[in-house]
N, C-alpha and C. Protein backbone atom coordinates (compact mmCIF):
# COMPACT_ATOMS: atom_id res chain seq x y z
N MET A 1 -79.04 59.67 -49.63
CA MET A 1 -79.04 60.19 -48.31
C MET A 1 -78.30 61.18 -47.76
N THR A 2 -78.87 62.35 -47.40
CA THR A 2 -77.86 63.37 -47.23
C THR A 2 -77.09 63.18 -46.02
N PRO A 3 -76.17 62.73 -45.49
CA PRO A 3 -75.77 63.52 -44.61
C PRO A 3 -76.06 64.36 -43.14
N ARG A 4 -76.62 64.46 -42.31
CA ARG A 4 -76.75 65.52 -41.36
C ARG A 4 -75.87 65.53 -40.27
N LEU A 5 -75.57 66.55 -40.13
CA LEU A 5 -74.58 66.87 -39.11
C LEU A 5 -75.15 68.08 -38.05
N VAL A 6 -74.82 67.71 -36.88
CA VAL A 6 -74.98 69.07 -35.84
C VAL A 6 -73.88 69.75 -35.14
N ALA A 7 -73.83 70.94 -35.35
CA ALA A 7 -72.43 71.74 -35.45
C ALA A 7 -72.60 72.80 -34.27
N PHE A 8 -71.22 72.46 -33.39
CA PHE A 8 -71.20 73.58 -32.31
C PHE A 8 -70.30 73.38 -31.68
N ALA A 9 -69.84 74.74 -30.82
CA ALA A 9 -68.50 75.10 -30.42
C ALA A 9 -68.56 75.07 -28.94
N GLY A 10 -67.58 74.49 -28.15
CA GLY A 10 -67.62 74.31 -26.61
C GLY A 10 -67.32 75.84 -26.07
N SER A 11 -67.50 76.59 -26.46
CA SER A 11 -67.42 78.13 -26.22
C SER A 11 -68.86 79.32 -26.24
N LEU A 12 -69.08 79.75 -25.00
CA LEU A 12 -70.10 80.74 -25.24
C LEU A 12 -69.25 81.80 -25.61
N ARG A 13 -68.43 82.42 -25.48
CA ARG A 13 -68.22 83.52 -25.96
C ARG A 13 -68.17 83.72 -27.66
N SER A 14 -68.93 85.15 -27.99
CA SER A 14 -69.47 85.71 -28.95
C SER A 14 -67.89 86.10 -29.71
N ALA A 15 -66.85 86.49 -29.61
CA ALA A 15 -66.03 86.42 -30.38
C ALA A 15 -64.91 85.28 -30.06
N SER A 16 -65.19 84.35 -29.79
CA SER A 16 -64.65 83.00 -29.87
C SER A 16 -63.77 82.43 -30.99
N PHE A 17 -62.37 82.49 -30.71
CA PHE A 17 -61.53 81.59 -32.03
C PHE A 17 -62.44 80.62 -32.40
N ASN A 18 -63.13 79.43 -31.91
CA ASN A 18 -63.76 78.25 -32.01
C ASN A 18 -64.74 78.75 -32.29
N ARG A 19 -65.70 79.31 -32.63
CA ARG A 19 -66.89 79.75 -32.97
C ARG A 19 -66.38 80.24 -34.34
N LYS A 20 -65.67 80.75 -34.56
CA LYS A 20 -65.10 81.47 -36.07
C LYS A 20 -64.80 80.12 -36.95
N LEU A 21 -63.80 79.14 -36.18
CA LEU A 21 -63.23 78.16 -36.70
C LEU A 21 -64.58 77.33 -37.03
N LEU A 22 -65.87 76.81 -36.22
CA LEU A 22 -66.64 76.30 -36.66
C LEU A 22 -67.24 76.45 -37.95
N ALA A 23 -67.80 78.28 -38.27
CA ALA A 23 -68.08 78.17 -39.07
C ALA A 23 -67.47 78.10 -40.38
N ILE A 24 -66.27 77.82 -40.31
CA ILE A 24 -65.37 77.52 -41.98
C ILE A 24 -65.41 75.92 -41.79
N ALA A 25 -65.56 75.25 -40.68
CA ALA A 25 -65.98 73.62 -40.89
C ALA A 25 -67.08 73.48 -41.57
N VAL A 26 -68.35 74.35 -40.89
CA VAL A 26 -69.59 74.28 -41.35
C VAL A 26 -69.81 74.44 -42.96
N ALA A 27 -68.92 75.40 -43.59
CA ALA A 27 -68.75 75.79 -44.85
C ALA A 27 -68.56 74.44 -45.55
N GLY A 28 -67.22 73.92 -45.31
CA GLY A 28 -66.93 73.06 -45.88
C GLY A 28 -67.46 71.86 -45.93
N ALA A 29 -68.17 71.52 -44.74
CA ALA A 29 -69.46 70.07 -44.71
C ALA A 29 -70.35 70.41 -45.44
N ARG A 30 -70.85 71.71 -45.73
CA ARG A 30 -71.71 72.19 -46.72
C ARG A 30 -71.60 71.71 -48.04
N ALA A 31 -70.34 72.35 -48.40
CA ALA A 31 -69.52 72.45 -49.89
C ALA A 31 -69.25 70.73 -50.26
N ALA A 32 -69.54 69.92 -49.31
CA ALA A 32 -69.37 68.46 -49.52
C ALA A 32 -70.59 67.34 -49.57
N GLY A 33 -71.72 68.53 -49.47
CA GLY A 33 -73.06 68.06 -49.50
C GLY A 33 -73.71 67.43 -48.45
N ALA A 34 -73.05 67.98 -47.10
CA ALA A 34 -73.60 67.76 -45.93
C ALA A 34 -75.12 68.82 -45.62
N GLU A 35 -76.01 68.60 -44.85
CA GLU A 35 -77.09 69.64 -44.22
C GLU A 35 -76.64 69.66 -43.05
N VAL A 36 -76.25 70.62 -42.25
CA VAL A 36 -75.78 71.06 -41.20
C VAL A 36 -76.96 71.88 -40.42
N THR A 37 -76.99 71.68 -39.21
CA THR A 37 -77.40 72.48 -38.11
C THR A 37 -76.67 72.64 -37.01
N LEU A 38 -76.33 74.33 -36.86
CA LEU A 38 -75.38 74.89 -36.57
C LEU A 38 -76.14 75.44 -35.26
N LEU A 39 -76.05 75.12 -34.10
CA LEU A 39 -76.26 75.44 -32.80
C LEU A 39 -75.34 76.18 -31.89
N ASP A 40 -76.07 76.96 -30.98
CA ASP A 40 -75.22 77.75 -30.26
C ASP A 40 -75.48 77.65 -28.59
N LEU A 41 -74.56 76.94 -27.97
CA LEU A 41 -74.99 76.31 -26.64
C LEU A 41 -75.56 77.72 -25.95
N ARG A 42 -75.59 78.36 -26.20
CA ARG A 42 -75.81 79.35 -25.07
C ARG A 42 -77.76 79.55 -25.10
N ASP A 43 -77.88 78.90 -26.31
CA ASP A 43 -79.41 78.59 -26.40
C ASP A 43 -79.94 77.45 -25.61
N PHE A 44 -79.26 76.28 -25.07
CA PHE A 44 -79.72 75.22 -24.40
C PHE A 44 -79.14 75.40 -22.51
N ALA A 45 -79.79 76.23 -22.18
CA ALA A 45 -78.57 76.56 -20.87
C ALA A 45 -79.48 75.22 -19.98
N MET A 46 -78.34 74.74 -19.43
CA MET A 46 -78.57 73.72 -18.06
C MET A 46 -77.78 73.93 -16.89
N PRO A 47 -78.41 73.36 -15.83
CA PRO A 47 -77.59 73.37 -14.88
C PRO A 47 -76.19 72.47 -14.85
N LEU A 48 -75.15 72.65 -13.95
CA LEU A 48 -74.37 71.68 -14.21
C LEU A 48 -74.56 70.35 -13.47
N TYR A 49 -74.16 69.39 -14.10
CA TYR A 49 -74.85 67.99 -14.06
C TYR A 49 -74.62 68.09 -12.19
N ASP A 50 -75.54 67.20 -11.74
CA ASP A 50 -75.68 67.13 -10.45
C ASP A 50 -76.80 65.90 -10.10
N GLY A 51 -76.20 64.55 -9.95
CA GLY A 51 -77.20 63.43 -9.93
C GLY A 51 -78.46 63.53 -9.18
N ASP A 52 -78.18 64.39 -7.76
CA ASP A 52 -79.15 64.60 -6.89
C ASP A 52 -80.55 65.25 -7.73
N LEU A 53 -79.96 66.48 -8.26
CA LEU A 53 -80.99 67.63 -9.40
C LEU A 53 -81.94 66.25 -10.36
N GLU A 54 -80.97 65.62 -11.28
CA GLU A 54 -81.42 64.62 -11.89
C GLU A 54 -82.50 63.79 -11.50
N ALA A 55 -82.12 63.39 -10.02
CA ALA A 55 -82.86 62.58 -9.41
C ALA A 55 -83.98 63.19 -8.63
N ALA A 56 -84.23 64.18 -8.41
CA ALA A 56 -85.25 65.05 -8.24
C ALA A 56 -86.30 66.06 -9.41
N GLN A 57 -85.68 66.41 -10.23
CA GLN A 57 -86.50 66.93 -11.20
C GLN A 57 -85.99 66.41 -12.78
N GLY A 58 -85.48 65.13 -12.77
CA GLY A 58 -85.25 64.95 -14.26
C GLY A 58 -84.37 65.48 -15.32
N ILE A 59 -84.30 64.94 -16.53
CA ILE A 59 -83.54 65.63 -17.26
C ILE A 59 -84.06 67.30 -17.91
N PRO A 60 -83.29 68.09 -17.80
CA PRO A 60 -83.67 69.34 -18.06
C PRO A 60 -84.22 69.45 -19.81
N PRO A 61 -85.03 70.18 -19.72
CA PRO A 61 -85.41 70.56 -21.26
C PRO A 61 -84.50 70.82 -22.27
N ALA A 62 -84.06 71.41 -22.13
CA ALA A 62 -82.64 72.23 -22.97
C ALA A 62 -81.57 70.45 -23.23
N ALA A 63 -81.66 69.64 -22.01
CA ALA A 63 -80.75 68.64 -22.34
C ALA A 63 -81.71 67.27 -23.35
N ARG A 64 -82.85 67.42 -23.01
CA ARG A 64 -83.74 66.55 -24.13
C ARG A 64 -84.00 67.11 -25.24
N GLU A 65 -83.75 68.06 -25.58
CA GLU A 65 -83.87 68.77 -27.13
C GLU A 65 -82.72 68.61 -27.77
N LEU A 66 -81.52 68.77 -26.89
CA LEU A 66 -80.19 68.30 -27.16
C LEU A 66 -80.47 66.75 -27.80
N LYS A 67 -80.68 65.97 -26.99
CA LYS A 67 -80.77 64.43 -27.43
C LYS A 67 -81.54 64.34 -28.42
N ARG A 68 -82.88 65.06 -28.60
CA ARG A 68 -83.39 64.60 -29.90
C ARG A 68 -82.49 65.52 -30.98
N LEU A 69 -81.99 66.80 -31.21
CA LEU A 69 -80.97 66.65 -32.31
C LEU A 69 -80.19 65.44 -32.56
N PHE A 70 -79.55 65.43 -31.62
CA PHE A 70 -78.23 64.64 -31.86
C PHE A 70 -78.55 63.32 -32.32
N LYS A 71 -79.99 62.59 -31.81
CA LYS A 71 -80.38 61.34 -32.51
C LYS A 71 -80.76 61.72 -33.72
N GLU A 72 -81.44 62.81 -34.24
CA GLU A 72 -82.09 62.58 -35.36
C GLU A 72 -80.72 63.07 -36.71
N HIS A 73 -79.79 63.61 -36.28
CA HIS A 73 -78.26 63.57 -37.35
C HIS A 73 -77.82 62.47 -36.88
N HIS A 74 -76.62 62.55 -38.05
CA HIS A 74 -75.63 61.37 -38.35
C HIS A 74 -74.25 61.71 -37.80
N GLY A 75 -73.95 62.91 -37.27
CA GLY A 75 -72.62 62.81 -36.46
C GLY A 75 -72.42 64.75 -36.77
N PHE A 76 -71.36 64.84 -36.34
CA PHE A 76 -70.99 66.31 -35.13
C PHE A 76 -69.76 66.77 -35.59
N LEU A 77 -70.08 68.04 -35.86
CA LEU A 77 -68.78 68.87 -35.85
C LEU A 77 -68.66 69.63 -34.60
N ILE A 78 -67.67 69.53 -34.13
CA ILE A 78 -67.61 70.09 -32.43
C ILE A 78 -66.07 70.99 -32.76
N ALA A 79 -66.20 72.35 -32.26
CA ALA A 79 -65.00 72.98 -31.93
C ALA A 79 -65.01 73.08 -30.59
N CYS A 80 -63.36 72.48 -29.99
CA CYS A 80 -62.97 72.21 -29.11
C CYS A 80 -61.80 73.41 -28.18
N PRO A 81 -62.53 73.91 -27.71
CA PRO A 81 -61.78 75.06 -27.26
C PRO A 81 -60.70 74.39 -25.65
N GLU A 82 -59.82 75.03 -25.80
CA GLU A 82 -59.17 74.71 -23.89
C GLU A 82 -58.92 75.45 -23.43
N TYR A 83 -59.47 75.42 -22.12
CA TYR A 83 -59.20 76.32 -21.24
C TYR A 83 -57.76 75.14 -19.82
N ASN A 84 -57.14 76.18 -19.41
CA ASN A 84 -56.38 75.25 -18.42
C ASN A 84 -56.06 74.19 -18.96
N THR A 85 -55.76 73.41 -19.92
CA THR A 85 -55.08 72.45 -20.48
C THR A 85 -55.93 71.26 -20.67
N SER A 86 -57.32 71.66 -21.01
CA SER A 86 -58.79 70.71 -20.96
C SER A 86 -59.54 71.20 -21.70
N ILE A 87 -60.47 70.14 -21.52
CA ILE A 87 -62.04 70.38 -22.34
C ILE A 87 -62.89 71.38 -21.06
N THR A 88 -63.95 72.68 -21.97
CA THR A 88 -64.18 73.62 -21.29
C THR A 88 -65.60 72.93 -20.52
N ALA A 89 -66.16 73.90 -19.39
CA ALA A 89 -66.94 73.08 -18.39
C ALA A 89 -68.40 72.98 -19.38
N VAL A 90 -68.26 73.98 -20.07
CA VAL A 90 -70.17 74.21 -20.92
C VAL A 90 -69.77 72.65 -21.87
N LEU A 91 -69.08 72.82 -22.74
CA LEU A 91 -68.68 71.23 -23.31
C LEU A 91 -69.25 69.95 -22.87
N LYS A 92 -68.01 69.75 -21.56
CA LYS A 92 -68.42 68.95 -20.84
C LYS A 92 -69.84 68.66 -20.30
N ASN A 93 -70.35 69.23 -19.43
CA ASN A 93 -71.57 69.81 -18.74
C ASN A 93 -72.52 69.16 -20.29
N THR A 94 -72.26 69.82 -21.65
CA THR A 94 -73.49 69.27 -22.37
C THR A 94 -73.38 67.57 -22.56
N ILE A 95 -72.19 67.56 -23.24
CA ILE A 95 -71.80 66.05 -23.30
C ILE A 95 -72.84 64.88 -22.08
N ASP A 96 -71.98 65.63 -20.90
CA ASP A 96 -72.79 64.46 -19.67
C ASP A 96 -74.16 64.33 -19.42
N TRP A 97 -74.95 65.92 -19.94
CA TRP A 97 -76.77 65.93 -19.38
C TRP A 97 -77.18 65.12 -20.92
N VAL A 98 -76.42 64.98 -21.71
CA VAL A 98 -77.04 64.41 -23.16
C VAL A 98 -76.69 62.83 -23.17
N SER A 99 -75.59 62.68 -22.27
CA SER A 99 -75.53 61.32 -22.40
C SER A 99 -76.13 60.77 -20.96
N ARG A 100 -77.08 60.99 -20.24
CA ARG A 100 -78.11 60.19 -19.19
C ARG A 100 -79.08 59.67 -19.92
N GLN A 101 -78.58 58.37 -19.17
CA GLN A 101 -80.14 57.60 -19.25
C GLN A 101 -81.47 57.95 -19.47
N ASP A 102 -81.99 57.62 -20.44
CA ASP A 102 -83.73 58.52 -19.99
C ASP A 102 -84.46 56.94 -20.62
N GLY A 103 -85.24 56.81 -19.03
CA GLY A 103 -86.17 55.41 -18.95
C GLY A 103 -85.17 54.43 -19.34
N ALA A 104 -85.82 53.57 -20.74
CA ALA A 104 -85.24 52.42 -20.87
C ALA A 104 -84.25 52.61 -22.14
N GLU A 105 -84.10 54.18 -22.58
CA GLU A 105 -83.15 54.74 -23.76
C GLU A 105 -81.90 54.30 -23.29
N SER A 106 -80.59 53.79 -23.49
CA SER A 106 -79.33 54.04 -22.98
C SER A 106 -78.72 55.65 -23.31
N GLY A 107 -78.13 56.20 -22.03
CA GLY A 107 -77.07 57.67 -22.44
C GLY A 107 -76.51 57.17 -23.79
N ARG A 108 -75.81 56.42 -24.31
CA ARG A 108 -75.52 55.99 -25.46
C ARG A 108 -76.21 56.27 -26.70
N ALA A 109 -77.22 56.20 -26.82
CA ALA A 109 -78.25 56.73 -27.95
C ALA A 109 -77.83 58.02 -28.88
N PRO A 110 -77.79 58.74 -28.13
CA PRO A 110 -77.31 60.03 -28.85
C PRO A 110 -75.85 59.95 -29.91
N TYR A 111 -75.21 59.50 -29.20
CA TYR A 111 -73.95 59.09 -29.86
C TYR A 111 -73.51 58.08 -30.94
N GLU A 112 -74.00 57.07 -30.01
CA GLU A 112 -73.61 55.93 -30.78
C GLU A 112 -73.76 55.44 -32.08
N GLY A 113 -72.31 55.38 -32.98
CA GLY A 113 -72.28 55.10 -34.30
C GLY A 113 -72.25 56.48 -35.01
N LYS A 114 -72.21 57.64 -34.46
CA LYS A 114 -72.44 58.61 -35.05
C LYS A 114 -70.64 59.36 -35.48
N VAL A 115 -70.80 60.26 -36.30
CA VAL A 115 -68.98 60.19 -36.81
C VAL A 115 -69.08 61.61 -36.16
N ALA A 116 -67.55 61.99 -35.64
CA ALA A 116 -67.51 63.14 -35.11
C ALA A 116 -66.13 63.51 -35.75
N GLY A 117 -66.51 64.87 -36.55
CA GLY A 117 -65.13 65.72 -36.66
C GLY A 117 -64.80 66.64 -35.78
N LEU A 118 -63.28 67.25 -35.11
CA LEU A 118 -63.13 68.01 -34.10
C LEU A 118 -62.20 69.10 -34.37
N PHE A 119 -62.49 69.80 -33.74
CA PHE A 119 -61.61 71.33 -34.70
C PHE A 119 -61.35 71.85 -33.15
N SER A 120 -60.49 72.69 -33.31
CA SER A 120 -59.79 73.38 -32.40
C SER A 120 -59.04 74.59 -32.81
N ALA A 121 -59.05 75.99 -32.10
CA ALA A 121 -57.95 76.90 -32.40
C ALA A 121 -57.99 77.55 -30.68
N SER A 122 -56.46 77.79 -30.55
CA SER A 122 -55.61 78.20 -29.69
C SER A 122 -55.24 79.44 -29.80
N PRO A 123 -54.91 80.19 -28.77
CA PRO A 123 -53.87 81.31 -29.19
C PRO A 123 -52.82 80.99 -28.91
N GLY A 124 -52.00 79.89 -28.18
CA GLY A 124 -50.67 78.89 -28.12
C GLY A 124 -50.37 78.48 -28.71
N PRO A 125 -49.31 77.67 -28.88
CA PRO A 125 -48.68 77.07 -30.08
C PRO A 125 -48.86 75.78 -30.53
N LEU A 126 -50.00 75.80 -29.08
CA LEU A 126 -50.47 73.56 -29.35
C LEU A 126 -51.57 73.35 -29.81
N GLY A 127 -52.62 74.75 -30.41
CA GLY A 127 -53.53 74.33 -30.68
C GLY A 127 -54.80 73.47 -30.10
N ALA A 128 -55.01 73.61 -28.84
CA ALA A 128 -55.43 72.91 -28.08
C ALA A 128 -55.54 71.90 -28.19
N VAL A 129 -54.53 70.71 -28.45
CA VAL A 129 -54.56 69.29 -28.78
C VAL A 129 -55.00 68.83 -27.24
N ARG A 130 -54.88 69.09 -26.18
CA ARG A 130 -55.29 68.39 -24.96
C ARG A 130 -56.48 68.35 -24.90
N SER A 131 -57.21 69.32 -25.36
CA SER A 131 -58.30 69.26 -25.21
C SER A 131 -59.45 68.47 -26.40
N LEU A 132 -58.51 68.50 -27.50
CA LEU A 132 -58.97 67.54 -28.51
C LEU A 132 -59.15 65.94 -28.54
N GLU A 133 -57.59 65.93 -27.23
CA GLU A 133 -57.49 64.47 -27.47
C GLU A 133 -58.61 64.15 -26.18
N ALA A 134 -59.16 64.70 -24.73
CA ALA A 134 -60.05 64.73 -23.94
C ALA A 134 -61.51 64.35 -24.60
N VAL A 135 -61.99 65.03 -25.78
CA VAL A 135 -63.07 65.00 -26.27
C VAL A 135 -63.21 63.86 -27.15
N ARG A 136 -62.27 63.46 -27.73
CA ARG A 136 -61.97 62.56 -28.47
C ARG A 136 -62.00 60.94 -27.78
N GLY A 137 -61.30 60.89 -26.48
CA GLY A 137 -61.47 59.84 -25.50
C GLY A 137 -63.26 60.16 -25.06
N ILE A 138 -63.58 60.86 -25.02
CA ILE A 138 -65.00 60.99 -24.16
C ILE A 138 -66.12 60.50 -24.92
N LEU A 139 -65.93 61.31 -26.44
CA LEU A 139 -67.12 60.74 -27.48
C LEU A 139 -66.67 59.41 -27.94
N MET A 140 -65.15 58.77 -28.01
CA MET A 140 -64.83 57.51 -28.00
C MET A 140 -65.81 56.61 -27.24
N SER A 141 -65.91 56.79 -26.03
CA SER A 141 -66.06 55.71 -25.08
C SER A 141 -68.02 55.68 -25.10
N LEU A 142 -68.53 57.01 -25.70
CA LEU A 142 -70.17 57.19 -25.73
C LEU A 142 -70.13 56.28 -27.27
N GLY A 143 -69.41 55.75 -27.88
CA GLY A 143 -69.49 55.19 -28.81
C GLY A 143 -69.44 55.86 -30.42
N CYS A 144 -69.15 57.15 -30.43
CA CYS A 144 -69.24 57.85 -31.54
C CYS A 144 -67.74 57.22 -32.44
N LEU A 145 -67.89 57.20 -33.93
CA LEU A 145 -66.68 57.23 -34.33
C LEU A 145 -65.74 58.65 -34.42
N VAL A 146 -64.82 58.86 -33.64
CA VAL A 146 -63.77 60.23 -34.22
C VAL A 146 -62.69 60.05 -35.05
N LEU A 147 -63.13 61.09 -36.30
CA LEU A 147 -61.88 60.70 -36.91
C LEU A 147 -60.65 61.42 -36.42
N PRO A 148 -59.42 60.29 -37.13
CA PRO A 148 -58.19 60.49 -36.79
C PRO A 148 -57.56 62.02 -37.04
N GLN A 149 -58.20 62.83 -38.05
CA GLN A 149 -57.61 64.03 -38.71
C GLN A 149 -58.73 65.00 -37.69
N ARG A 150 -57.79 66.13 -37.46
CA ARG A 150 -58.09 67.17 -36.56
C ARG A 150 -57.66 68.54 -37.36
N GLY A 151 -58.93 69.34 -36.95
CA GLY A 151 -58.64 70.75 -37.96
C GLY A 151 -58.37 71.82 -36.39
N SER A 152 -56.95 71.84 -36.46
CA SER A 152 -56.43 72.31 -35.18
C SER A 152 -55.42 73.74 -35.85
N ILE A 153 -55.73 75.04 -35.26
CA ILE A 153 -55.33 76.10 -35.33
C ILE A 153 -54.26 76.66 -34.15
N VAL A 154 -53.24 76.93 -34.35
CA VAL A 154 -52.33 77.50 -33.36
C VAL A 154 -52.19 79.09 -33.83
N ARG A 155 -51.92 80.20 -32.39
CA ARG A 155 -51.96 81.05 -32.64
C ARG A 155 -52.66 81.94 -33.30
N ALA A 156 -54.14 81.45 -32.78
CA ALA A 156 -55.54 81.62 -33.55
C ALA A 156 -55.69 83.64 -33.24
N GLY A 157 -55.13 84.31 -32.47
CA GLY A 157 -54.88 85.18 -32.16
C GLY A 157 -54.49 85.91 -33.91
N GLU A 158 -53.32 85.66 -34.24
CA GLU A 158 -52.87 85.88 -35.65
C GLU A 158 -53.69 85.33 -36.72
N ALA A 159 -54.19 84.61 -36.78
CA ALA A 159 -54.72 83.55 -37.88
C ALA A 159 -55.73 83.71 -38.44
N PHE A 160 -56.76 84.61 -37.80
CA PHE A 160 -58.03 84.80 -37.85
C PHE A 160 -58.16 86.43 -38.97
N ALA A 161 -58.51 86.61 -40.19
CA ALA A 161 -58.90 88.21 -40.56
C ALA A 161 -59.84 88.63 -40.14
N ALA A 162 -60.28 89.83 -40.31
CA ALA A 162 -61.21 90.36 -39.47
C ALA A 162 -62.68 90.60 -39.89
N ASP A 163 -62.72 89.70 -40.94
CA ASP A 163 -64.01 89.30 -41.52
C ASP A 163 -64.20 87.72 -40.74
N GLY A 164 -63.37 86.94 -39.99
CA GLY A 164 -63.77 85.83 -39.33
C GLY A 164 -62.91 84.85 -40.48
N THR A 165 -62.78 84.71 -41.59
CA THR A 165 -62.11 83.63 -42.28
C THR A 165 -60.72 83.49 -41.76
N LEU A 166 -60.01 82.87 -42.42
CA LEU A 166 -58.34 82.18 -42.12
C LEU A 166 -57.84 82.99 -43.16
N LYS A 167 -56.37 83.53 -42.38
CA LYS A 167 -55.50 84.28 -43.47
C LYS A 167 -55.09 83.29 -44.24
N ASP A 168 -54.53 82.24 -43.81
CA ASP A 168 -53.60 81.44 -44.62
C ASP A 168 -55.15 80.05 -45.61
N ALA A 169 -54.55 79.93 -46.63
CA ALA A 169 -55.70 79.25 -47.70
C ALA A 169 -55.47 77.94 -47.45
N LYS A 170 -54.17 77.50 -46.57
CA LYS A 170 -53.94 76.00 -46.17
C LYS A 170 -54.31 75.54 -45.25
N GLN A 171 -55.05 76.49 -44.37
CA GLN A 171 -55.31 76.11 -43.02
C GLN A 171 -56.85 76.29 -43.31
N THR A 172 -57.36 76.69 -44.09
CA THR A 172 -58.82 76.97 -44.69
C THR A 172 -59.14 75.42 -45.45
N ASP A 173 -58.05 75.03 -46.43
CA ASP A 173 -58.55 73.99 -46.83
C ASP A 173 -58.38 72.74 -45.95
N MET A 174 -57.30 72.65 -44.57
CA MET A 174 -57.20 71.99 -44.06
C MET A 174 -58.61 71.44 -43.08
N VAL A 175 -59.21 72.70 -42.77
CA VAL A 175 -60.31 72.48 -41.71
C VAL A 175 -61.35 71.84 -42.77
N HIS A 176 -61.58 72.88 -44.10
CA HIS A 176 -62.52 71.99 -45.04
C HIS A 176 -62.35 70.67 -45.46
N GLY A 177 -61.16 70.06 -45.14
CA GLY A 177 -60.60 68.55 -45.66
C GLY A 177 -61.08 67.77 -44.43
N VAL A 178 -61.16 68.16 -43.07
CA VAL A 178 -61.64 67.50 -42.17
C VAL A 178 -63.29 67.61 -41.89
N ALA A 179 -63.70 68.49 -42.50
CA ALA A 179 -65.51 68.60 -42.46
C ALA A 179 -66.02 67.31 -43.89
N ALA A 180 -64.90 67.58 -44.96
CA ALA A 180 -65.47 66.47 -45.91
C ALA A 180 -65.52 65.25 -45.55
N GLU A 181 -64.20 65.09 -45.11
CA GLU A 181 -63.76 63.59 -44.60
C GLU A 181 -64.85 63.42 -43.57
N THR A 182 -65.42 63.98 -42.69
CA THR A 182 -66.67 63.75 -41.69
C THR A 182 -68.04 63.07 -42.31
N VAL A 183 -67.36 64.06 -43.70
CA VAL A 183 -69.34 63.93 -44.47
C VAL A 183 -69.00 62.60 -45.44
N ARG A 184 -68.24 62.27 -45.94
CA ARG A 184 -67.27 61.21 -46.38
C ARG A 184 -67.70 59.66 -45.77
N LEU A 185 -67.12 60.26 -44.66
CA LEU A 185 -67.40 58.65 -43.70
C LEU A 185 -69.06 58.59 -43.51
N ILE A 186 -69.35 59.46 -43.23
CA ILE A 186 -71.19 59.21 -42.91
C ILE A 186 -71.80 58.60 -44.05
N GLY A 187 -71.07 58.86 -45.27
CA GLY A 187 -72.04 58.31 -46.52
C GLY A 187 -71.33 57.26 -46.62
N LYS A 188 -70.16 56.96 -46.30
CA LYS A 188 -69.51 55.12 -46.26
C LYS A 188 -70.54 54.42 -45.29
N LEU A 189 -70.95 54.82 -43.99
CA LEU A 189 -71.51 53.90 -43.14
C LEU A 189 -73.01 54.04 -43.19
N GLN A 190 -74.11 54.58 -43.95
CA GLN A 190 -74.81 55.06 -44.20
C GLN A 190 -75.64 53.85 -45.44
């Protein structure tokens, strides 16, 4: 059984440090034997979660498609930017819409029993640890097994080369290691 992962960044900006970091994590997971579906959240536009909107119109088609993808995979690689000491709005909105109950199916179904590897890159000295902890708590409450190891890059403005790779081979090894551990844990659980 080949471990299958969904990978996405909680940033919409094309030149996002977290998108660059996610590409490195994806390469590490693929090298460890995983099949990875790389998503761009811009391709899954959804309104801000609103219970009244959900009651009137149901779950948006983009959220239904993400639910389907999440359920078809064994886990996640998520790059978690930090905006104003917390999780980004697009990442939270995505998690919230995908976690909505759909008929008799629990809102936890797309997440429960899945393995998540978390990554972050920040221009600051903390490496977005606050957003990582927030995302960890949210995913764990939805039934995900979140790796304790994290791939966090500080001072990201100085960490990446012009081609999007990390300048420091030890940082690349660390990111690849978290991705590989995500794949390994999925393999053990299957």
